[in-house]
Amino acid sequence: MIDVAEQEEVIRAVGDFALKASQVLGPLTAILYGSYARGDFNLWSNVDVLLVVRDE
């Protein structure tokens, strides 16, 4: 069973992380992928995040 509250908390945390990372790295795109993005996470799942930044 999916814990929607936990999934929403992780999504908020990823957003906070992306905001802080953008203050250091400049404009970026944050992509949540893996089990939390699919909604099939469990107790042992990690959080997969891809940050895409411009190469100047």
N, C-alpha and C. Protein backbone atom coordinates (compact mmCIF):
# COMPACT_ATOMS: atom_id res chain seq x y z
N MET A 1 0.83 -1.18 0.00
CA MET A 1 0.00 0.00 0.00
C MET A 1 0.88 1.25 0.00
N ILE A 2 0.55 2.20 -0.84
CA ILE A 2 1.33 3.43 -0.97
C ILE A 2 0.97 4.38 0.16
N ASP A 3 2.01 4.90 0.81
CA ASP A 3 1.82 5.91 1.85
C ASP A 3 1.90 7.27 1.15
N VAL A 4 0.75 7.81 0.79
CA VAL A 4 0.69 9.05 0.02
C VAL A 4 1.33 10.20 0.79
N ALA A 5 1.13 10.26 2.10
CA ALA A 5 1.72 11.33 2.90
C ALA A 5 3.24 11.27 2.84
N GLU A 6 3.80 10.06 2.91
CA GLU A 6 5.26 9.92 2.83
C GLU A 6 5.75 10.33 1.45
N GLN A 7 5.05 9.91 0.41
CA GLN A 7 5.45 10.27 -0.95
C GLN A 7 5.41 11.79 -1.13
N GLU A 8 4.37 12.44 -0.63
CA GLU A 8 4.27 13.89 -0.73
C GLU A 8 5.39 14.58 0.05
N GLU A 9 5.75 14.03 1.21
CA GLU A 9 6.84 14.59 2.00
C GLU A 9 8.16 14.50 1.23
N VAL A 10 8.40 13.38 0.59
CA VAL A 10 9.62 13.21 -0.21
C VAL A 10 9.63 14.19 -1.37
N ILE A 11 8.51 14.36 -2.04
CA ILE A 11 8.44 15.29 -3.16
C ILE A 11 8.72 16.72 -2.69
N ARG A 12 8.19 17.10 -1.54
CA ARG A 12 8.49 18.43 -0.98
C ARG A 12 9.97 18.56 -0.65
N ALA A 13 10.56 17.52 -0.08
CA ALA A 13 11.99 17.56 0.27
C ALA A 13 12.85 17.68 -0.98
N VAL A 14 12.47 16.99 -2.04
CA VAL A 14 13.21 17.10 -3.31
C VAL A 14 13.11 18.52 -3.84
N GLY A 15 11.93 19.12 -3.74
CA GLY A 15 11.77 20.51 -4.17
C GLY A 15 12.64 21.46 -3.36
N ASP A 16 12.69 21.27 -2.05
CA ASP A 16 13.56 22.09 -1.20
C ASP A 16 15.02 21.91 -1.57
N PHE A 17 15.41 20.65 -1.80
CA PHE A 17 16.79 20.35 -2.19
C PHE A 17 17.12 21.03 -3.52
N ALA A 18 16.22 20.94 -4.48
CA ALA A 18 16.45 21.55 -5.80
C ALA A 18 16.58 23.07 -5.68
N LEU A 19 15.77 23.68 -4.84
CA LEU A 19 15.85 25.12 -4.65
C LEU A 19 17.20 25.52 -4.07
N LYS A 20 17.67 24.80 -3.06
CA LYS A 20 18.97 25.09 -2.47
C LYS A 20 20.10 24.82 -3.45
N ALA A 21 19.99 23.75 -4.21
CA ALA A 21 21.01 23.43 -5.21
C ALA A 21 21.07 24.51 -6.29
N SER A 22 19.92 25.06 -6.67
CA SER A 22 19.90 26.09 -7.71
C SER A 22 20.57 27.37 -7.24
N GLN A 23 20.59 27.62 -5.94
CA GLN A 23 21.27 28.80 -5.41
C GLN A 23 22.78 28.67 -5.58
N VAL A 24 23.28 27.45 -5.65
CA VAL A 24 24.71 27.21 -5.84
C VAL A 24 25.04 26.99 -7.31
N LEU A 25 24.20 26.22 -7.99
CA LEU A 25 24.49 25.78 -9.36
C LEU A 25 23.85 26.64 -10.44
N GLY A 26 22.93 27.50 -10.07
CA GLY A 26 22.18 28.27 -11.06
C GLY A 26 20.95 27.49 -11.50
N PRO A 27 20.31 27.98 -12.56
CA PRO A 27 19.07 27.33 -13.02
C PRO A 27 19.28 25.84 -13.28
N LEU A 28 18.31 25.06 -12.86
CA LEU A 28 18.42 23.62 -13.05
C LEU A 28 17.05 22.99 -13.16
N THR A 29 17.06 21.75 -13.58
CA THR A 29 15.86 20.93 -13.61
C THR A 29 16.10 19.76 -12.67
N ALA A 30 15.16 19.49 -11.78
CA ALA A 30 15.24 18.35 -10.87
C ALA A 30 14.22 17.32 -11.31
N ILE A 31 14.67 16.08 -11.44
CA ILE A 31 13.80 14.99 -11.88
C ILE A 31 13.82 13.90 -10.81
N LEU A 32 12.66 13.61 -10.26
CA LEU A 32 12.49 12.50 -9.32
C LEU A 32 12.16 11.27 -10.15
N TYR A 33 12.93 10.20 -9.97
CA TYR A 33 12.66 8.98 -10.72
C TYR A 33 12.79 7.78 -9.79
N GLY A 34 12.51 6.62 -10.27
CA GLY A 34 12.61 5.42 -9.46
C GLY A 34 11.32 5.14 -8.70
N SER A 35 11.45 4.39 -7.62
CA SER A 35 10.27 3.87 -6.92
C SER A 35 9.39 4.97 -6.32
N TYR A 36 9.98 6.08 -5.84
CA TYR A 36 9.13 7.15 -5.31
C TYR A 36 8.35 7.84 -6.42
N ALA A 37 8.94 7.99 -7.57
CA ALA A 37 8.22 8.59 -8.70
C ALA A 37 7.11 7.67 -9.19
N ARG A 38 7.38 6.37 -9.20
CA ARG A 38 6.38 5.40 -9.67
C ARG A 38 5.31 5.13 -8.62
N GLY A 39 5.64 5.36 -7.35
CA GLY A 39 4.69 5.10 -6.28
C GLY A 39 4.74 3.68 -5.75
N ASP A 40 5.81 2.94 -6.06
CA ASP A 40 5.92 1.57 -5.55
C ASP A 40 7.09 1.41 -4.57
N PHE A 41 7.37 2.47 -3.82
CA PHE A 41 8.46 2.47 -2.85
C PHE A 41 8.11 1.61 -1.64
N ASN A 42 9.15 1.24 -0.89
CA ASN A 42 8.95 0.49 0.35
C ASN A 42 9.93 1.00 1.39
N LEU A 43 9.99 0.32 2.52
CA LEU A 43 10.84 0.74 3.63
C LEU A 43 12.31 0.86 3.22
N TRP A 44 12.76 0.05 2.28
CA TRP A 44 14.17 0.01 1.89
C TRP A 44 14.47 0.87 0.67
N SER A 45 13.51 1.58 0.16
CA SER A 45 13.71 2.40 -1.03
C SER A 45 14.55 3.63 -0.73
N ASN A 46 15.38 3.99 -1.70
CA ASN A 46 16.10 5.26 -1.62
C ASN A 46 15.35 6.27 -2.48
N VAL A 47 15.82 7.50 -2.48
CA VAL A 47 15.20 8.55 -3.29
C VAL A 47 16.16 8.88 -4.42
N ASP A 48 15.70 8.71 -5.65
CA ASP A 48 16.52 8.96 -6.83
C ASP A 48 16.17 10.32 -7.42
N VAL A 49 17.18 11.20 -7.51
CA VAL A 49 16.97 12.54 -8.05
C VAL A 49 18.08 12.83 -9.05
N LEU A 50 17.68 13.34 -10.20
CA LEU A 50 18.62 13.75 -11.23
C LEU A 50 18.55 15.26 -11.34
N LEU A 51 19.70 15.94 -11.24
CA LEU A 51 19.76 17.38 -11.44
C LEU A 51 20.41 17.65 -12.79
N VAL A 52 19.75 18.45 -13.61
CA VAL A 52 20.28 18.82 -14.92
C VAL A 52 20.62 20.30 -14.86
N VAL A 53 21.90 20.63 -15.11
CA VAL A 53 22.35 22.02 -15.09
C VAL A 53 22.97 22.37 -16.43
N ARG A 54 23.04 23.66 -16.69
CA ARG A 54 23.67 24.12 -17.93
C ARG A 54 25.17 24.04 -17.80
N ASP A 55 25.83 23.64 -18.87
CA ASP A 55 27.29 23.62 -18.94
C ASP A 55 27.72 24.88 -19.67
N GLU A 56 28.27 25.81 -18.92
CA GLU A 56 28.63 27.09 -19.55
C GLU A 56 30.10 27.19 -19.77
